[in-house]
Amino acid sequence: MNNIQLNRLINETNTKIKHYYEHYSSAINLWVTKSVIDPHYVICVELVHDFGGAITSFEILSRGTNELDPEEFLKVINQLHQSWPHMPILFHDFPKKVINSLRDKFGSFIIRDDVVINKNY
């Protein structure tokens, strides 16, 4: 992906985040994953509702790893953090090395592991 395409992708993603930020009063997180079955990167906006702890999620970016290499994806994350410095980013199924490197850069309040708890009742 060239710089023009990457900047366009970042701008489109920022525009989508801005829409949710302006139209919802819920707390907003970004949720990031890299699918293993069909290799692609996904970023979602998570709206954390005040009542009952419900979370609504909207996909705002999905690109195959053949379209977006790991370095470019980290540039996207970097730019999103620049635009939304207060917004936590939850990483699901990313290598600890990547997450720890981002934590060193942005802090542990912003960069978090997404921990999924499965309770069988």
PDB file of N, CA and C in Angstrom:
ATOM      1  N   MET A   1       0.862  -1.167   0.000  1.00  0.00           N
ATOM      2  CA  MET A   1       0.000   0.000   0.000  1.00  0.00           C
ATOM      3  C   MET A   1       0.908   1.229   0.000  1.00  0.00           C
ATOM      4  N   ASN A   2       0.619   2.185  -0.880  1.00  0.00           N
ATOM      5  CA  ASN A   2       1.451   3.393  -0.899  1.00  0.00           C
ATOM      6  C   ASN A   2       0.964   4.398   0.147  1.00  0.00           C
ATOM      7  N   ASN A   3       1.729   5.457   0.345  1.00  0.00           N
ATOM      8  CA  ASN A   3       1.411   6.444   1.394  1.00  0.00           C
ATOM      9  C   ASN A   3       0.069   7.122   1.176  1.00  0.00           C
ATOM     10  N   ILE A   4      -0.274   7.402  -0.076  1.00  0.00           N
ATOM     11  CA  ILE A   4      -1.563   8.052  -0.358  1.00  0.00           C
ATOM     12  C   ILE A   4      -2.709   7.130   0.048  1.00  0.00           C
ATOM     13  N   GLN A   5      -2.622   5.858  -0.311  1.00  0.00           N
ATOM     14  CA  GLN A   5      -3.660   4.893   0.057  1.00  0.00           C
ATOM     15  C   GLN A   5      -3.734   4.713   1.573  1.00  0.00           C
ATOM     16  N   LEU A   6      -2.580   4.664   2.217  1.00  0.00           N
ATOM     17  CA  LEU A   6      -2.542   4.500   3.670  1.00  0.00           C
ATOM     18  C   LEU A   6      -3.163   5.708   4.365  1.00  0.00           C
ATOM     19  N   ASN A   7      -2.836   6.911   3.910  1.00  0.00           N
ATOM     20  CA  ASN A   7      -3.428   8.123   4.494  1.00  0.00           C
ATOM     21  C   ASN A   7      -4.931   8.168   4.267  1.00  0.00           C
ATOM     22  N   ARG A   8      -5.385   7.730   3.108  1.00  0.00           N
ATOM     23  CA  ARG A   8      -6.824   7.690   2.824  1.00  0.00           C
ATOM     24  C   ARG A   8      -7.516   6.709   3.773  1.00  0.00           C
ATOM     25  N   LEU A   9      -6.903   5.556   3.979  1.00  0.00           N
ATOM     26  CA  LEU A   9      -7.452   4.556   4.898  1.00  0.00           C
ATOM     27  C   LEU A   9      -7.538   5.112   6.319  1.00  0.00           C
ATOM     28  N   ILE A  10      -6.497   5.787   6.759  1.00  0.00           N
ATOM     29  CA  ILE A  10      -6.480   6.388   8.098  1.00  0.00           C
ATOM     30  C   ILE A  10      -7.564   7.455   8.214  1.00  0.00           C
ATOM     31  N   ASN A  11      -7.708   8.304   7.201  1.00  0.00           N
ATOM     32  CA  ASN A  11      -8.736   9.352   7.226  1.00  0.00           C
ATOM     33  C   ASN A  11     -10.140   8.761   7.264  1.00  0.00           C
ATOM     34  N   GLU A  12     -10.381   7.714   6.463  1.00  0.00           N
ATOM     35  CA  GLU A  12     -11.698   7.066   6.467  1.00  0.00           C
ATOM     36  C   GLU A  12     -12.003   6.469   7.843  1.00  0.00           C
ATOM     37  N   THR A  13     -11.020   5.845   8.435  1.00  0.00           N
ATOM     38  CA  THR A  13     -11.203   5.232   9.751  1.00  0.00           C
ATOM     39  C   THR A  13     -11.451   6.299  10.811  1.00  0.00           C
ATOM     40  N   ASN A  14     -10.703   7.387  10.761  1.00  0.00           N
ATOM     41  CA  ASN A  14     -10.911   8.499  11.698  1.00  0.00           C
ATOM     42  C   ASN A  14     -12.301   9.098  11.548  1.00  0.00           C
ATOM     43  N   THR A  15     -12.779   9.219  10.322  1.00  0.00           N
ATOM     44  CA  THR A  15     -14.119   9.763  10.072  1.00  0.00           C
ATOM     45  C   THR A  15     -15.181   8.878  10.710  1.00  0.00           C
ATOM     46  N   LYS A  16     -15.014   7.571  10.604  1.00  0.00           N
ATOM     47  CA  LYS A  16     -15.973   6.643  11.216  1.00  0.00           C
ATOM     48  C   LYS A  16     -15.950   6.756  12.739  1.00  0.00           C
ATOM     49  N   ILE A  17     -14.764   6.855  13.328  1.00  0.00           N
ATOM     50  CA  ILE A  17     -14.662   7.018  14.786  1.00  0.00           C
ATOM     51  C   ILE A  17     -15.337   8.319  15.203  1.00  0.00           C
ATOM     52  N   LYS A  18     -15.082   9.385  14.460  1.00  0.00           N
ATOM     53  CA  LYS A  18     -15.667  10.693  14.773  1.00  0.00           C
ATOM     54  C   LYS A  18     -17.191  10.613  14.778  1.00  0.00           C
ATOM     55  N   HIS A  19     -17.763   9.884  13.825  1.00  0.00           N
ATOM     56  CA  HIS A  19     -19.219   9.724  13.760  1.00  0.00           C
ATOM     57  C   HIS A  19     -19.751   9.123  15.062  1.00  0.00           C
ATOM     58  N   TYR A  20     -19.144   8.040  15.514  1.00  0.00           N
ATOM     59  CA  TYR A  20     -19.612   7.401  16.747  1.00  0.00           C
ATOM     60  C   TYR A  20     -19.350   8.281  17.958  1.00  0.00           C
ATOM     61  N   TYR A  21     -18.237   8.962  17.965  1.00  0.00           N
ATOM     62  CA  TYR A  21     -17.892   9.845  19.078  1.00  0.00           C
ATOM     63  C   TYR A  21     -18.906  10.986  19.209  1.00  0.00           C
ATOM     64  N   GLU A  22     -19.364  11.511  18.065  1.00  0.00           N
ATOM     65  CA  GLU A  22     -20.303  12.638  18.079  1.00  0.00           C
ATOM     66  C   GLU A  22     -21.747  12.219  18.342  1.00  0.00           C
ATOM     67  N   HIS A  23     -22.113  10.983  18.026  1.00  0.00           N
ATOM     68  CA  HIS A  23     -23.511  10.582  18.084  1.00  0.00           C
ATOM     69  C   HIS A  23     -23.873   9.645  19.234  1.00  0.00           C
ATOM     70  N   TYR A  24     -22.895   9.225  20.011  1.00  0.00           N
ATOM     71  CA  TYR A  24     -23.178   8.328  21.124  1.00  0.00           C
ATOM     72  C   TYR A  24     -22.561   8.885  22.397  1.00  0.00           C
ATOM     73  N   SER A  25     -23.277   8.717  23.500  1.00  0.00           N
ATOM     74  CA  SER A  25     -22.765   9.222  24.777  1.00  0.00           C
ATOM     75  C   SER A  25     -22.010   8.141  25.551  1.00  0.00           C
ATOM     76  N   SER A  26     -21.967   6.939  25.014  1.00  0.00           N
ATOM     77  CA  SER A  26     -21.278   5.831  25.684  1.00  0.00           C
ATOM     78  C   SER A  26     -19.770   6.029  25.664  1.00  0.00           C
ATOM     79  N   ALA A  27     -19.093   5.356  26.588  1.00  0.00           N
ATOM     80  CA  ALA A  27     -17.628   5.302  26.530  1.00  0.00           C
ATOM     81  C   ALA A  27     -17.246   4.531  25.272  1.00  0.00           C
ATOM     82  N   ILE A  28     -16.152   4.939  24.633  1.00  0.00           N
ATOM     83  CA  ILE A  28     -15.737   4.308  23.380  1.00  0.00           C
ATOM     84  C   ILE A  28     -14.342   3.713  23.525  1.00  0.00           C
ATOM     85  N   ASN A  29     -14.211   2.465  23.096  1.00  0.00           N
ATOM     86  CA  ASN A  29     -12.920   1.784  22.989  1.00  0.00           C
ATOM     87  C   ASN A  29     -12.700   1.409  21.535  1.00  0.00           C
ATOM     88  N   LEU A  30     -11.451   1.198  21.176  1.00  0.00           N
ATOM     89  CA  LEU A  30     -11.149   0.569  19.895  1.00  0.00           C
ATOM     90  C   LEU A  30     -10.754  -0.867  20.191  1.00  0.00           C
ATOM     91  N   TRP A  31     -11.256  -1.793  19.406  1.00  0.00           N
ATOM     92  CA  TRP A  31     -10.954  -3.209  19.564  1.00  0.00           C
ATOM     93  C   TRP A  31     -10.241  -3.662  18.308  1.00  0.00           C
ATOM     94  N   VAL A  32      -9.073  -4.260  18.459  1.00  0.00           N
ATOM     95  CA  VAL A  32      -8.208  -4.602  17.334  1.00  0.00           C
ATOM     96  C   VAL A  32      -7.878  -6.091  17.373  1.00  0.00           C
ATOM     97  N   THR A  33      -7.983  -6.742  16.220  1.00  0.00           N
ATOM     98  CA  THR A  33      -7.609  -8.148  16.140  1.00  0.00           C
ATOM     99  C   THR A  33      -7.001  -8.461  14.783  1.00  0.00           C
ATOM    100  N   LYS A  34      -6.308  -9.566  14.728  1.00  0.00           N
ATOM    101  CA  LYS A  34      -5.780 -10.094  13.466  1.00  0.00           C
ATOM    102  C   LYS A  34      -6.315 -11.507  13.350  1.00  0.00           C
ATOM    103  N   SER A  35      -7.209 -11.709  12.408  1.00  0.00           N
ATOM    104  CA  SER A  35      -7.826 -13.013  12.216  1.00  0.00           C
ATOM    105  C   SER A  35      -6.801 -14.015  11.701  1.00  0.00           C
ATOM    106  N   VAL A  36      -6.859 -15.220  12.217  1.00  0.00           N
ATOM    107  CA  VAL A  36      -5.923 -16.266  11.812  1.00  0.00           C
ATOM    108  C   VAL A  36      -6.499 -17.098  10.664  1.00  0.00           C
ATOM    109  N   ILE A  37      -7.777 -17.394  10.717  1.00  0.00           N
ATOM    110  CA  ILE A  37      -8.409 -18.249   9.709  1.00  0.00           C
ATOM    111  C   ILE A  37      -8.366 -17.598   8.329  1.00  0.00           C
ATOM    112  N   ASP A  38      -8.820 -16.369   8.241  1.00  0.00           N
ATOM    113  CA  ASP A  38      -8.766 -15.592   6.998  1.00  0.00           C
ATOM    114  C   ASP A  38      -7.902 -14.379   7.318  1.00  0.00           C
ATOM    115  N   PRO A  39      -6.596 -14.456   7.090  1.00  0.00           N
ATOM    116  CA  PRO A  39      -5.671 -13.439   7.612  1.00  0.00           C
ATOM    117  C   PRO A  39      -6.016 -12.002   7.204  1.00  0.00           C
ATOM    118  N   HIS A  40      -6.561 -11.277   8.151  1.00  0.00           N
ATOM    119  CA  HIS A  40      -6.826  -9.856   7.941  1.00  0.00           C
ATOM    120  C   HIS A  40      -6.876  -9.140   9.286  1.00  0.00           C
ATOM    121  N   TYR A  41      -6.680  -7.829   9.203  1.00  0.00           N
ATOM    122  CA  TYR A  41      -6.737  -6.972  10.385  1.00  0.00           C
ATOM    123  C   TYR A  41      -8.138  -6.387  10.499  1.00  0.00           C
ATOM    124  N   VAL A  42      -8.620  -6.281  11.720  1.00  0.00           N
ATOM    125  CA  VAL A  42      -9.940  -5.712  11.972  1.00  0.00           C
ATOM    126  C   VAL A  42      -9.821  -4.705  13.112  1.00  0.00           C
ATOM    127  N   ILE A  43     -10.445  -3.543  12.922  1.00  0.00           N
ATOM    128  CA  ILE A  43     -10.581  -2.568  14.003  1.00  0.00           C
ATOM    129  C   ILE A  43     -12.067  -2.273  14.149  1.00  0.00           C
ATOM    130  N   CYS A  44     -12.541  -2.354  15.370  1.00  0.00           N
ATOM    131  CA  CYS A  44     -13.940  -2.054  15.672  1.00  0.00           C
ATOM    132  C   CYS A  44     -14.011  -0.939  16.706  1.00  0.00           C
ATOM    133  N   VAL A  45     -15.102  -0.195  16.652  1.00  0.00           N
ATOM    134  CA  VAL A  45     -15.439   0.751  17.707  1.00  0.00           C
ATOM    135  C   VAL A  45     -16.353   0.002  18.656  1.00  0.00           C
ATOM    136  N   GLU A  46     -16.031   0.024  19.943  1.00  0.00           N
ATOM    137  CA  GLU A  46     -16.891  -0.575  20.957  1.00  0.00           C
ATOM    138  C   GLU A  46     -17.536   0.541  21.770  1.00  0.00           C
ATOM    139  N   LEU A  47     -18.852   0.506  21.834  1.00  0.00           N
ATOM    140  CA  LEU A  47     -19.593   1.455  22.658  1.00  0.00           C
ATOM    141  C   LEU A  47     -19.971   0.737  23.946  1.00  0.00           C
ATOM    142  N   VAL A  48     -19.463   1.230  25.055  1.00  0.00           N
ATOM    143  CA  VAL A  48     -19.703   0.609  26.359  1.00  0.00           C
ATOM    144  C   VAL A  48     -20.858   1.355  27.012  1.00  0.00           C
ATOM    145  N   HIS A  49     -21.998   0.685  27.107  1.00  0.00           N
ATOM    146  CA  HIS A  49     -23.203   1.323  27.624  1.00  0.00           C
ATOM    147  C   HIS A  49     -23.178   1.425  29.148  1.00  0.00           C
ATOM    148  N   ASP A  50     -23.779   2.483  29.648  1.00  0.00           N
ATOM    149  CA  ASP A  50     -23.820   2.727  31.089  1.00  0.00           C
ATOM    150  C   ASP A  50     -24.737   1.748  31.817  1.00  0.00           C
ATOM    151  N   PHE A  51     -25.704   1.219  31.114  1.00  0.00           N
ATOM    152  CA  PHE A  51     -26.675   0.340  31.756  1.00  0.00           C
ATOM    153  C   PHE A  51     -26.340  -1.124  31.454  1.00  0.00           C
ATOM    154  N   GLY A  52     -26.185  -1.903  32.484  1.00  0.00           N
ATOM    155  CA  GLY A  52     -25.999  -3.338  32.333  1.00  0.00           C
ATOM    156  C   GLY A  52     -24.674  -3.805  31.756  1.00  0.00           C
ATOM    157  N   GLY A  53     -23.772  -2.909  31.489  1.00  0.00           N
ATOM    158  CA  GLY A  53     -22.466  -3.309  30.978  1.00  0.00           C
ATOM    159  C   GLY A  53     -22.463  -3.834  29.557  1.00  0.00           C
ATOM    160  N   ALA A  54     -23.516  -3.566  28.806  1.00  0.00           N
ATOM    161  CA  ALA A  54     -23.591  -4.053  27.426  1.00  0.00           C
ATOM    162  C   ALA A  54     -22.579  -3.332  26.543  1.00  0.00           C
ATOM    163  N   ILE A  55     -22.102  -4.029  25.525  1.00  0.00           N
ATOM    164  CA  ILE A  55     -21.156  -3.455  24.568  1.00  0.00           C
ATOM    165  C   ILE A  55     -21.710  -3.658  23.167  1.00  0.00           C
ATOM    166  N   THR A  56     -21.736  -2.591  22.386  1.00  0.00           N
ATOM    167  CA  THR A  56     -22.112  -2.665  20.983  1.00  0.00           C
ATOM    168  C   THR A  56     -20.861  -2.404  20.167  1.00  0.00           C
ATOM    169  N   SER A  57     -20.647  -3.229  19.152  1.00  0.00           N
ATOM    170  CA  SER A  57     -19.412  -3.140  18.380  1.00  0.00           C
ATOM    171  C   SER A  57     -19.723  -2.891  16.907  1.00  0.00           C
ATOM    172  N   PHE A  58     -18.965  -1.982  16.282  1.00  0.00           N
ATOM    173  CA  PHE A  58     -19.109  -1.670  14.864  1.00  0.00           C
ATOM    174  C   PHE A  58     -17.746  -1.766  14.190  1.00  0.00           C
ATOM    175  N   GLU A  59     -17.666  -2.542  13.129  1.00  0.00           N
ATOM    176  CA  GLU A  59     -16.412  -2.675  12.393  1.00  0.00           C
ATOM    177  C   GLU A  59     -16.146  -1.394  11.603  1.00  0.00           C
ATOM    178  N   ILE A  60     -14.937  -0.847  11.754  1.00  0.00           N
ATOM    179  CA  ILE A  60     -14.593   0.379  11.033  1.00  0.00           C
ATOM    180  C   ILE A  60     -13.427   0.192  10.074  1.00  0.00           C
ATOM    181  N   LEU A  61     -12.720  -0.932  10.190  1.00  0.00           N
ATOM    182  CA  LEU A  61     -11.631  -1.224   9.261  1.00  0.00           C
ATOM    183  C   LEU A  61     -11.448  -2.730   9.184  1.00  0.00           C
ATOM    184  N   SER A  62     -11.327  -3.230   7.965  1.00  0.00           N
ATOM    185  CA  SER A  62     -11.017  -4.637   7.746  1.00  0.00           C
ATOM    186  C   SER A  62     -10.195  -4.724   6.473  1.00  0.00           C
ATOM    187  N   ARG A  63      -8.943  -5.139   6.619  1.00  0.00           N
ATOM    188  CA  ARG A  63      -8.041  -5.251   5.464  1.00  0.00           C
ATOM    189  C   ARG A  63      -7.250  -6.542   5.569  1.00  0.00           C
ATOM    190  N   GLY A  64      -7.116  -7.219   4.455  1.00  0.00           N
ATOM    191  CA  GLY A  64      -6.335  -8.444   4.404  1.00  0.00           C
ATOM    192  C   GLY A  64      -4.864  -8.162   4.652  1.00  0.00           C
ATOM    193  N   THR A  65      -4.182  -9.160   5.200  1.00  0.00           N
ATOM    194  CA  THR A  65      -2.749  -8.991   5.443  1.00  0.00           C
ATOM    195  C   THR A  65      -1.974  -8.898   4.133  1.00  0.00           C
ATOM    196  N   ASN A  66      -2.608  -9.285   3.026  1.00  0.00           N
ATOM    197  CA  ASN A  66      -1.973  -9.096   1.722  1.00  0.00           C
ATOM    198  C   ASN A  66      -2.090  -7.642   1.246  1.00  0.00           C
ATOM    199  N   GLU A  67      -3.024  -6.878   1.812  1.00  0.00           N
ATOM    200  CA  GLU A  67      -3.197  -5.460   1.475  1.00  0.00           C
ATOM    201  C   GLU A  67      -2.432  -4.537   2.420  1.00  0.00           C
ATOM    202  N   LEU A  68      -2.269  -4.975   3.644  1.00  0.00           N
ATOM    203  CA  LEU A  68      -1.722  -4.135   4.705  1.00  0.00           C
ATOM    204  C   LEU A  68      -0.691  -4.949   5.480  1.00  0.00           C
ATOM    205  N   ASP A  69       0.570  -4.538   5.419  1.00  0.00           N
ATOM    206  CA  ASP A  69       1.589  -5.295   6.152  1.00  0.00           C
ATOM    207  C   ASP A  69       1.617  -4.845   7.616  1.00  0.00           C
ATOM    208  N   PRO A  70       2.283  -5.596   8.496  1.00  0.00           N
ATOM    209  CA  PRO A  70       2.282  -5.268   9.925  1.00  0.00           C
ATOM    210  C   PRO A  70       2.769  -3.853  10.234  1.00  0.00           C
ATOM    211  N   GLU A  71       3.767  -3.385   9.514  1.00  0.00           N
ATOM    212  CA  GLU A  71       4.282  -2.034   9.742  1.00  0.00           C
ATOM    213  C   GLU A  71       3.238  -0.975   9.395  1.00  0.00           C
ATOM    214  N   GLU A  72       2.542  -1.176   8.286  1.00  0.00           N
ATOM    215  CA  GLU A  72       1.492  -0.231   7.887  1.00  0.00           C
ATOM    216  C   GLU A  72       0.351  -0.252   8.892  1.00  0.00           C
ATOM    217  N   PHE A  73       0.005  -1.447   9.377  1.00  0.00           N
ATOM    218  CA  PHE A  73      -1.062  -1.543  10.360  1.00  0.00           C
ATOM    219  C   PHE A  73      -0.699  -0.784  11.631  1.00  0.00           C
ATOM    220  N   LEU A  74       0.555  -0.894  12.057  1.00  0.00           N
ATOM    221  CA  LEU A  74       0.989  -0.152  13.243  1.00  0.00           C
ATOM    222  C   LEU A  74       0.985   1.352  12.989  1.00  0.00           C
ATOM    223  N   LYS A  75       1.214   1.779  11.752  1.00  0.00           N
ATOM    224  CA  LYS A  75       1.091   3.202  11.407  1.00  0.00           C
ATOM    225  C   LYS A  75      -0.354   3.659  11.569  1.00  0.00           C
ATOM    226  N   VAL A  76      -1.289   2.798  11.160  1.00  0.00           N
ATOM    227  CA  VAL A  76      -2.714   3.120  11.333  1.00  0.00           C
ATOM    228  C   VAL A  76      -3.017   3.290  12.820  1.00  0.00           C
ATOM    229  N   ILE A  77      -2.580   2.345  13.643  1.00  0.00           N
ATOM    230  CA  ILE A  77      -2.799   2.419  15.096  1.00  0.00           C
ATOM    231  C   ILE A  77      -2.177   3.692  15.658  1.00  0.00           C
ATOM    232  N   ASN A  78      -0.968   3.994  15.229  1.00  0.00           N
ATOM    233  CA  ASN A  78      -0.266   5.207  15.657  1.00  0.00           C
ATOM    234  C   ASN A  78      -1.089   6.455  15.368  1.00  0.00           C
ATOM    235  N   GLN A  79      -1.581   6.557  14.153  1.00  0.00           N
ATOM    236  CA  GLN A  79      -2.344   7.739  13.754  1.00  0.00           C
ATOM    237  C   GLN A  79      -3.685   7.824  14.481  1.00  0.00           C
ATOM    238  N   LEU A  80      -4.330   6.686  14.683  1.00  0.00           N
ATOM    239  CA  LEU A  80      -5.588   6.706  15.429  1.00  0.00           C
ATOM    240  C   LEU A  80      -5.348   7.170  16.858  1.00  0.00           C
ATOM    241  N   HIS A  81      -4.249   6.726  17.443  1.00  0.00           N
ATOM    242  CA  HIS A  81      -3.925   7.189  18.798  1.00  0.00           C
ATOM    243  C   HIS A  81      -3.631   8.690  18.802  1.00  0.00           C
ATOM    244  N   GLN A  82      -2.971   9.195  17.774  1.00  0.00           N
ATOM    245  CA  GLN A  82      -2.700  10.637  17.686  1.00  0.00           C
ATOM    246  C   GLN A  82      -4.009  11.426  17.644  1.00  0.00           C
ATOM    247  N   SER A  83      -4.990  10.909  16.910  1.00  0.00           N
ATOM    248  CA  SER A  83      -6.281  11.595  16.781  1.00  0.00           C
ATOM    249  C   SER A  83      -7.162  11.429  18.014  1.00  0.00           C
ATOM    250  N   TRP A  84      -7.060  10.298  18.676  1.00  0.00           N
ATOM    251  CA  TRP A  84      -7.918   9.972  19.819  1.00  0.00           C
ATOM    252  C   TRP A  84      -7.052   9.499  20.994  1.00  0.00           C
ATOM    253  N   PRO A  85      -6.240  10.386  21.573  1.00  0.00           N
ATOM    254  CA  PRO A  85      -5.256   9.964  22.583  1.00  0.00           C
ATOM    255  C   PRO A  85      -5.861   9.427  23.882  1.00  0.00           C
ATOM    256  N   HIS A  86      -7.114   9.743  24.156  1.00  0.00           N
ATOM    257  CA  HIS A  86      -7.764   9.310  25.398  1.00  0.00           C
ATOM    258  C   HIS A  86      -8.463   7.955  25.253  1.00  0.00           C
ATOM    259  N   MET A  87      -8.574   7.445  24.030  1.00  0.00           N
ATOM    260  CA  MET A  87      -9.370   6.258  23.752  1.00  0.00           C
ATOM    261  C   MET A  87      -8.551   4.969  23.932  1.00  0.00           C
ATOM    262  N   PRO A  88      -8.975   4.083  24.858  1.00  0.00           N
ATOM    263  CA  PRO A  88      -8.267   2.811  25.025  1.00  0.00           C
ATOM    264  C   PRO A  88      -8.336   1.951  23.760  1.00  0.00           C
ATOM    265  N   ILE A  89      -7.268   1.202  23.516  1.00  0.00           N
ATOM    266  CA  ILE A  89      -7.206   0.298  22.371  1.00  0.00           C
ATOM    267  C   ILE A  89      -6.997  -1.107  22.919  1.00  0.00           C
ATOM    268  N   LEU A  90      -7.985  -1.974  22.704  1.00  0.00           N
ATOM    269  CA  LEU A  90      -7.939  -3.342  23.206  1.00  0.00           C
ATOM    270  C   LEU A  90      -7.438  -4.261  22.097  1.00  0.00           C
ATOM    271  N   PHE A  91      -6.357  -4.981  22.357  1.00  0.00           N
ATOM    272  CA  PHE A  91      -5.774  -5.883  21.366  1.00  0.00           C
ATOM    273  C   PHE A  91      -6.166  -7.319  21.678  1.00  0.00           C
ATOM    274  N   HIS A  92      -6.706  -8.009  20.689  1.00  0.00           N
ATOM    275  CA  HIS A  92      -7.130  -9.399  20.826  1.00  0.00           C
ATOM    276  C   HIS A  92      -6.260 -10.273  19.927  1.00  0.00           C
ATOM    277  N   ASP A  93      -5.639 -11.281  20.508  1.00  0.00           N
ATOM    278  CA  ASP A  93      -4.813 -12.242  19.756  1.00  0.00           C
ATOM    279  C   ASP A  93      -3.623 -11.618  19.044  1.00  0.00           C
ATOM    280  N   PHE A  94      -2.967 -10.674  19.694  1.00  0.00           N
ATOM    281  CA  PHE A  94      -1.726 -10.111  19.157  1.00  0.00           C
ATOM    282  C   PHE A  94      -0.564 -10.631  19.981  1.00  0.00           C
ATOM    283  N   PRO A  95       0.599 -10.786  19.373  1.00  0.00           N
ATOM    284  CA  PRO A  95       1.766 -11.245  20.133  1.00  0.00           C
ATOM    285  C   PRO A  95       2.103 -10.285  21.275  1.00  0.00           C
ATOM    286  N   LYS A  96       2.485 -10.858  22.405  1.00  0.00           N
ATOM    287  CA  LYS A  96       2.845 -10.043  23.577  1.00  0.00           C
ATOM    288  C   LYS A  96       3.934  -9.031  23.241  1.00  0.00           C
ATOM    289  N   LYS A  97       4.857  -9.403  22.376  1.00  0.00           N
ATOM    290  CA  LYS A  97       5.952  -8.511  21.996  1.00  0.00           C
ATOM    291  C   LYS A  97       5.413  -7.222  21.362  1.00  0.00           C
ATOM    292  N   VAL A  98       4.421  -7.349  20.490  1.00  0.00           N
ATOM    293  CA  VAL A  98       3.814  -6.182  19.839  1.00  0.00           C
ATOM    294  C   VAL A  98       3.082  -5.335  20.867  1.00  0.00           C
ATOM    295  N   ILE A  99       2.277  -5.981  21.702  1.00  0.00           N
ATOM    296  CA  ILE A  99       1.501  -5.250  22.713  1.00  0.00           C
ATOM    297  C   ILE A  99       2.426  -4.538  23.695  1.00  0.00           C
ATOM    298  N   ASN A 100       3.464  -5.214  24.160  1.00  0.00           N
ATOM    299  CA  ASN A 100       4.396  -4.592  25.106  1.00  0.00           C
ATOM    300  C   ASN A 100       5.136  -3.420  24.485  1.00  0.00           C
ATOM    301  N   SER A 101       5.490  -3.536  23.222  1.00  0.00           N
ATOM    302  CA  SER A 101       6.153  -2.435  22.523  1.00  0.00           C
ATOM    303  C   SER A 101       5.233  -1.214  22.435  1.00  0.00           C
ATOM    304  N   LEU A 102       3.955  -1.453  22.126  1.00  0.00           N
ATOM    305  CA  LEU A 102       2.985  -0.354  22.063  1.00  0.00           C
ATOM    306  C   LEU A 102       2.728   0.231  23.450  1.00  0.00           C
ATOM    307  N   ARG A 103       2.694  -0.624  24.474  1.00  0.00           N
ATOM    308  CA  ARG A 103       2.522  -0.134  25.851  1.00  0.00           C
ATOM    309  C   ARG A 103       3.664   0.781  26.257  1.00  0.00           C
ATOM    310  N   ASP A 104       4.879   0.399  25.875  1.00  0.00           N
ATOM    311  CA  ASP A 104       6.041   1.240  26.180  1.00  0.00           C
ATOM    312  C   ASP A 104       5.899   2.608  25.533  1.00  0.00           C
ATOM    313  N   LYS A 105       5.289   2.642  24.373  1.00  0.00           N
ATOM    314  CA  LYS A 105       5.151   3.891  23.623  1.00  0.00           C
ATOM    315  C   LYS A 105       3.972   4.736  24.113  1.00  0.00           C
ATOM    316  N   PHE A 106       2.805   4.099  24.328  1.00  0.00           N
ATOM    317  CA  PHE A 106       1.581   4.844  24.635  1.00  0.00           C
ATOM    318  C   PHE A 106       1.095   4.711  26.072  1.00  0.00           C
ATOM    319  N   GLY A 107       1.608   3.754  26.815  1.00  0.00           N
ATOM    320  CA  GLY A 107       1.170   3.557  28.192  1.00  0.00           C
ATOM    321  C   GLY A 107       0.151   2.439  28.319  1.00  0.00           C
ATOM    322  N   SER A 108       0.087   1.861  29.510  1.00  0.00           N
ATOM    323  CA  SER A 108      -0.784   0.707  29.728  1.00  0.00           C
ATOM    324  C   SER A 108      -2.253   1.089  29.892  1.00  0.00           C
ATOM    325  N   PHE A 109      -2.551   2.364  30.131  1.00  0.00           N
ATOM    326  CA  PHE A 109      -3.961   2.767  30.185  1.00  0.00           C
ATOM    327  C   PHE A 109      -4.575   2.710  28.794  1.00  0.00           C
ATOM    328  N   ILE A 110      -3.801   3.064  27.776  1.00  0.00           N
ATOM    329  CA  ILE A 110      -4.301   3.092  26.400  1.00  0.00           C
ATOM    330  C   ILE A 110      -4.216   1.718  25.748  1.00  0.00           C
ATOM    331  N   ILE A 111      -3.082   1.057  25.835  1.00  0.00           N
ATOM    332  CA  ILE A 111      -2.874  -0.233  25.171  1.00  0.00           C
ATOM    333  C   ILE A 111      -3.175  -1.353  26.161  1.00  0.00           C
ATOM    334  N   ARG A 112      -4.197  -2.139  25.847  1.00  0.00           N
ATOM    335  CA  ARG A 112      -4.634  -3.192  26.763  1.00  0.00           C
ATOM    336  C   ARG A 112      -4.821  -4.511  26.027  1.00  0.00           C
ATOM    337  N   ASP A 113      -4.657  -5.606  26.770  1.00  0.00           N
ATOM    338  CA  ASP A 113      -5.021  -6.928  26.254  1.00  0.00           C
ATOM    339  C   ASP A 113      -6.526  -7.062  26.368  1.00  0.00           C
ATOM    340  N   ASP A 114      -7.153  -7.583  25.332  1.00  0.00           N
ATOM    341  CA  ASP A 114      -8.567  -7.900  25.418  1.00  0.00           C
ATOM    342  C   ASP A 114      -8.674  -9.298  26.001  1.00  0.00           C
ATOM    343  N   VAL A 115      -9.195  -9.395  27.194  1.00  0.00           N
ATOM    344  CA  VAL A 115      -9.302 -10.678  27.874  1.00  0.00           C
ATOM    345  C   VAL A 115     -10.745 -11.154  27.768  1.00  0.00           C
ATOM    346  N   VAL A 116     -10.918 -12.308  27.174  1.00  0.00           N
ATOM    347  CA  VAL A 116     -12.251 -12.880  27.021  1.00  0.00           C
ATOM    348  C   VAL A 116     -12.422 -13.957  28.076  1.00  0.00           C
ATOM    349  N   ILE A 117     -13.477 -13.819  28.868  1.00  0.00           N
ATOM    350  CA  ILE A 117     -13.754 -14.790  29.924  1.00  0.00           C
ATOM    351  C   ILE A 117     -14.985 -15.585  29.517  1.00  0.00           C
ATOM    352  N   ASN A 118     -14.852 -16.887  29.502  1.00  0.00           N
ATOM    353  CA  ASN A 118     -15.956 -17.756  29.144  1.00  0.00           C
ATOM    354  C   ASN A 118     -16.458 -18.430  30.411  1.00  0.00           C
ATOM    355  N   LYS A 119     -17.684 -18.124  30.764  1.00  0.00           N
ATOM    356  CA  LYS A 119     -18.278 -18.740  31.949  1.00  0.00           C
ATOM    357  C   LYS A 119     -19.365 -19.704  31.489  1.00  0.00           C
ATOM    358  N   ASN A 120     -19.211 -20.948  31.842  1.00  0.00           N
ATOM    359  CA  ASN A 120     -20.234 -21.951  31.532  1.00  0.00           C
ATOM    360  C   ASN A 120     -21.109 -22.134  32.761  1.00  0.00           C
ATOM    361  N   TYR A 121     -22.358 -21.772  32.627  1.00  0.00           N
ATOM    362  CA  TYR A 121     -23.279 -21.892  33.758  1.00  0.00           C
ATOM    363  C   TYR A 121     -24.034 -23.185  33.687  1.00  0.00           C
TER     364      TYR A 121
END
